[in-house]
Amino acid sequence: MKSKSILISIAIIVLVFNSCVKEGPEGPPGASGSALSGSLVGFVYLYDEYGVPISDKSGVTVTVDGYIASLSATTNSSGKYQIDNMTAGTYDLIFSKTGYATYKSLSLSFVGGVKPRVFSTTLVQQATTTISSLTVTFYSSTQFTLACTLAPAIPAGYLRYLRVYYGKNSTVSSTNYITTAAFGSSVPAFSSIRSFDKGNFPSSTSLYVIAYAESYYTYYYQDLLSGLNIYTTIGSTGSNVASIIVP
């Protein structure tokens, strides 16, 4: 009986103690900590359409896309740029200059802090080649001959490049295609035997082709809507569209 009485007494004491403990009103929320910030610095190197370095690297605009307030900087003659007061986050960087191919670096992670984030890249002049009289004729059941004329004259020791896009309709272009390939030529009358995939272009279907001039260096980024690679080192105007019926 004595041990039972002791247990009952302990239970009463605990119950009384708990009933006396009350939670006070919730206090105001504390101030949010400041986002970590820092600097983004780097160099942009310029090349002409044949891959030759250019000494004056000034005038390239570097834009931070995805920031609440627009942030940008311009390179000096040595190609250096610096963007300060960037907060931590994920951004797209866009490098552009008139007459040059635009370069995009997507989803760049920026942490901030005392040590600057360094990001350097290159820009190349957009191709000035004109492509005309594009034709395609079949060479075999899985190959065709592609021919066109390149202008102006090709400097000795250099190549002119072209990027060819293949599609299933006459609207084929650099942003609407099935497959693509690039070639180089040292002569203005370009001709090449090319293979194609009958999985993409089966018998009795149409194969459409268009060509664009391309620079020595190739830059591209992936379009998040279409999933296609967008090549920024090609010229702004393409050739005529040529087509054939796959045998």
Foldseek 3Di string as FASTA:
>chain_A
DVVVVVVVVVVVVVVVVVVPDDDDDDDDDDDDDDFAWWKEKEFEWEAELQRHTDQQQWAKKKWWPPDPDTWIWTAGRRRMTMTGGGGFDWTKIWIDHPQKFIAIDHGHGDRHDYDHHYDYYYIYGADPKDWEDWEWACPDLFKIKIKIFIDDQADPPTWWKKKKFKDQDQVDDLVHGDDMDMDIDNGRIDMDMDGDDCVRVPAQGKIKMKMWTFGPDWHWDADPPPRDTRTRRTDPDIYHMYMDGRD
